[in-house]
């Protein structure tokens, strides 16, 4: 089974936050030309990235806690 670690979650969090910021603030016309609301699309990507970052932090904290117990 493929196990993801905290590094994977931090990396994907930065990618999603970057994409959300890109589409929300920098180039919203890219999505508007396709009929997609850039505000909602950017917000969803940004929030998903924040959740990925929180999950990565919780994984890192759990890993450090188990290392301290050993």
Protein backbone atom coordinates (compact mmCIF):
# COMPACT_ATOMS: atom_id res chain seq x y z
CA UNK A 1 0.00 0.00 0.00
CA UNK A 2 1.24 3.48 -0.87
CA UNK A 3 1.84 5.53 2.27
CA UNK A 4 2.12 9.27 2.08
CA UNK A 5 4.19 11.25 4.53
CA UNK A 6 4.27 14.79 5.74
CA UNK A 7 6.63 15.90 2.95
CA UNK A 8 4.10 14.79 0.31
CA UNK A 9 1.30 16.70 2.03
CA UNK A 10 3.39 19.86 2.38
CA UNK A 11 4.41 19.67 -1.29
CA UNK A 12 0.86 19.19 -2.56
CA UNK A 13 -0.39 21.91 -0.20
CA UNK A 14 2.04 24.40 -1.70
CA UNK A 15 1.03 23.36 -5.23
CA UNK A 16 -2.70 23.75 -4.53
CA UNK A 17 -2.24 27.08 -2.72
CA UNK A 18 -0.07 28.32 -5.58
CA UNK A 19 -2.58 27.25 -8.22
CA UNK A 20 -5.44 28.81 -6.26
CA UNK A 21 -3.57 32.09 -5.96
CA UNK A 22 -2.60 32.00 -9.62
CA UNK A 23 -6.16 31.50 -10.87
CA UNK A 24 -7.78 33.73 -8.25
CA UNK A 25 -5.54 36.80 -8.40
CA UNK A 26 -3.00 36.65 -11.20
CA UNK A 27 -4.84 35.27 -14.25
CA UNK A 28 -8.58 34.99 -13.64
CA UNK A 29 -9.24 35.59 -17.36
CA UNK A 30 -7.94 32.09 -18.07
CA UNK A 31 -10.95 30.59 -16.29
CA UNK A 32 -13.45 33.28 -17.25
CA UNK A 33 -12.91 32.53 -20.92
CA UNK A 34 -14.05 28.95 -20.22
CA UNK A 35 -17.08 30.00 -18.20
CA UNK A 36 -15.62 29.10 -14.79
CA UNK A 37 -15.89 31.55 -11.91
CA UNK A 38 -12.26 32.22 -10.88
CA UNK A 39 -13.26 33.35 -7.38
CA UNK A 40 -14.86 30.03 -6.46
CA UNK A 41 -12.32 27.90 -8.28
CA UNK A 42 -9.39 29.73 -6.68
CA UNK A 43 -11.01 29.57 -3.23
CA UNK A 44 -11.61 25.84 -3.51
CA UNK A 45 -8.00 25.17 -4.54
CA UNK A 46 -6.69 27.45 -1.80
CA UNK A 47 -8.82 25.85 0.91
CA UNK A 48 -7.90 22.35 -0.29
CA UNK A 49 -4.23 23.32 -0.04
CA UNK A 50 -4.74 24.58 3.51
CA UNK A 51 -6.36 21.27 4.48
CA UNK A 52 -3.46 19.37 2.90
CA UNK A 53 -1.03 21.50 4.90
CA UNK A 54 -2.91 20.85 8.14
CA UNK A 55 -2.88 17.13 7.41
CA UNK A 56 0.87 17.25 6.77
CA UNK A 57 1.42 19.10 10.04
CA UNK A 58 -0.61 16.50 11.94
CA UNK A 59 1.38 13.68 10.33
CA UNK A 60 4.66 15.39 11.24
CA UNK A 61 3.51 15.92 14.82
CA UNK A 62 2.43 12.28 15.13
CA UNK A 63 5.78 11.11 13.70
CA UNK A 64 7.74 13.23 16.17
CA UNK A 65 5.57 12.04 19.05
CA UNK A 66 6.20 8.37 18.22
CA UNK A 67 9.94 9.03 17.89
CA UNK A 68 10.02 10.71 21.30
CA UNK A 69 8.28 7.73 22.90
CA UNK A 70 10.90 5.29 21.57
